[in-house]
Amino acid sequence: MHYVKIAKVADFDGKPFKKFTLLARHVAIFRDPGGAFFATEISCKHQNWDLTTGKFEGDIVTCPRHGWVYNIRTGECLNQDSTRLRKYGVKVEGDDVYITREPIEEAG
């Protein structure tokens, strides 16, 4: 799996996420309260609206466009019959944050 350096750990100080465009995909890396990082695409499956502009309650985000609700950590859409948001691999080496270039496949 190929990772690319995309951010510094300090970029997340005081911020729960940071948005990126990676190979024409809109992706965000999130840092949870425990300090762990995870990454997912952030375009709503309904009309590609930027989910980071929605209302967050923990790991749950509601798209402001039409109210689709997602668990941003798992990618699952909670109120529509929809495919999941794609997840990306994240690793931290020293002060650098890396993300996979392509979404990761998960056993399901």
Protein backbone atom coordinates (compact mmCIF):
# COMPACT_ATOMS: atom_id res chain seq x y z
CA MET A 1 0.00 0.00 0.00
CA HIS A 2 1.42 3.36 -1.01
CA TYR A 3 1.26 6.22 1.51
CA VAL A 4 1.89 9.90 0.87
CA LYS A 5 2.86 12.54 3.43
CA ILE A 6 -0.03 14.98 3.66
CA ALA A 7 0.18 16.87 6.96
CA LYS A 8 1.99 17.46 10.22
CA VAL A 9 0.56 16.34 13.56
CA ALA A 10 0.68 20.00 14.66
CA ASP A 11 -1.78 20.86 11.85
CA PHE A 12 -4.48 19.24 14.02
CA ASP A 13 -3.80 21.24 17.18
CA GLY A 14 -7.18 22.63 18.18
CA LYS A 15 -8.86 21.19 15.07
CA PRO A 16 -10.79 17.91 14.81
CA PHE A 17 -10.09 17.45 11.08
CA LYS A 18 -8.22 18.72 8.05
CA LYS A 19 -9.58 18.53 4.47
CA PHE A 20 -7.59 17.58 1.38
CA THR A 21 -8.09 16.83 -2.28
CA LEU A 22 -6.28 13.62 -3.12
CA LEU A 23 -6.34 12.38 -6.72
CA ALA A 24 -9.51 14.46 -7.33
CA ARG A 25 -11.24 12.96 -4.27
CA HIS A 26 -12.33 15.05 -1.28
CA VAL A 27 -10.91 13.45 1.86
CA ALA A 28 -10.55 14.48 5.49
CA ILE A 29 -8.25 13.21 8.19
CA PHE A 30 -9.88 13.29 11.61
CA ARG A 31 -8.20 13.28 15.00
CA ASP A 32 -10.39 11.85 17.73
CA PRO A 33 -10.28 13.08 21.35
CA GLY A 34 -7.91 10.23 22.23
CA GLY A 35 -5.42 11.41 19.60
CA ALA A 36 -6.00 8.62 17.06
CA PHE A 37 -6.23 9.53 13.37
CA PHE A 38 -8.59 8.15 10.73
CA ALA A 39 -9.49 9.27 7.21
CA THR A 40 -12.55 9.06 5.02
CA GLU A 41 -13.99 10.62 1.90
CA ILE A 42 -16.17 13.60 2.76
CA SER A 43 -18.49 13.88 -0.23
CA CYS A 44 -22.09 12.89 0.53
CA LYS A 45 -23.18 9.94 -1.60
CA HIS A 46 -26.39 11.75 -2.52
CA GLN A 47 -25.11 14.87 -4.29
CA ASN A 48 -21.40 15.08 -3.35
CA TRP A 49 -21.95 17.85 -0.78
CA ASP A 50 -18.99 18.53 1.54
CA LEU A 51 -19.90 16.73 4.76
CA THR A 52 -17.47 18.80 6.81
CA THR A 53 -19.93 21.70 6.44
CA GLY A 54 -22.56 19.61 8.23
CA LYS A 55 -23.51 19.25 11.87
CA PHE A 56 -21.27 16.91 13.87
CA GLU A 57 -22.30 15.06 17.02
CA GLY A 58 -19.31 12.90 17.92
CA ASP A 59 -18.68 10.58 14.96
CA ILE A 60 -22.10 11.32 13.43
CA VAL A 61 -22.43 14.01 10.76
CA THR A 62 -25.59 15.23 9.04
CA CYS A 63 -25.25 16.56 5.50
CA PRO A 64 -26.66 20.10 5.42
CA ARG A 65 -27.95 19.65 1.87
CA HIS A 66 -30.65 16.96 2.31
CA GLY A 67 -30.09 15.49 5.78
CA TRP A 68 -28.26 12.27 4.97
CA VAL A 69 -26.61 11.03 8.17
CA TYR A 70 -23.24 9.24 8.30
CA ASN A 71 -20.98 7.70 10.89
CA ILE A 72 -17.83 9.46 9.71
CA ARG A 73 -15.57 6.86 11.37
CA THR A 74 -17.17 3.77 9.78
CA GLY A 75 -18.52 5.47 6.63
CA GLU A 76 -21.95 3.94 7.15
CA CYS A 77 -24.99 5.96 6.02
CA LEU A 78 -27.45 5.72 8.89
CA ASN A 79 -30.70 6.91 7.31
CA GLN A 80 -30.53 5.96 3.63
CA ASP A 81 -29.82 2.81 1.64
CA SER A 82 -26.42 3.93 0.39
CA THR A 83 -22.91 2.70 -0.10
CA ARG A 84 -20.44 3.59 2.63
CA LEU A 85 -18.05 6.49 2.49
CA ARG A 86 -14.66 5.11 1.47
CA LYS A 87 -11.99 4.96 4.14
CA TYR A 88 -8.27 5.62 3.78
CA GLY A 89 -5.32 4.25 5.67
CA VAL A 90 -3.51 6.68 7.96
CA LYS A 91 -0.18 6.36 9.71
CA VAL A 92 1.90 8.74 11.77
CA GLU A 93 5.69 8.69 11.68
CA GLY A 94 7.29 11.20 13.99
CA ASP A 95 5.58 14.52 13.29
CA ASP A 96 4.34 13.51 9.83
CA VAL A 97 0.87 12.23 8.93
CA TYR A 98 0.58 9.92 5.93
CA ILE A 99 -2.50 8.74 4.03
CA THR A 100 -2.99 6.00 1.45
CA ARG A 101 -3.34 7.29 -2.10
CA GLU A 102 -6.34 5.05 -2.70
CA PRO A 103 -9.23 4.02 -0.45
CA ILE A 104 -8.63 0.85 1.53
CA GLU A 105 -10.70 -2.28 1.09
CA GLU A 106 -12.24 -3.56 4.27
CA ALA A 107 -13.35 -7.08 4.98
CA GLY A 108 -17.08 -7.12 5.34
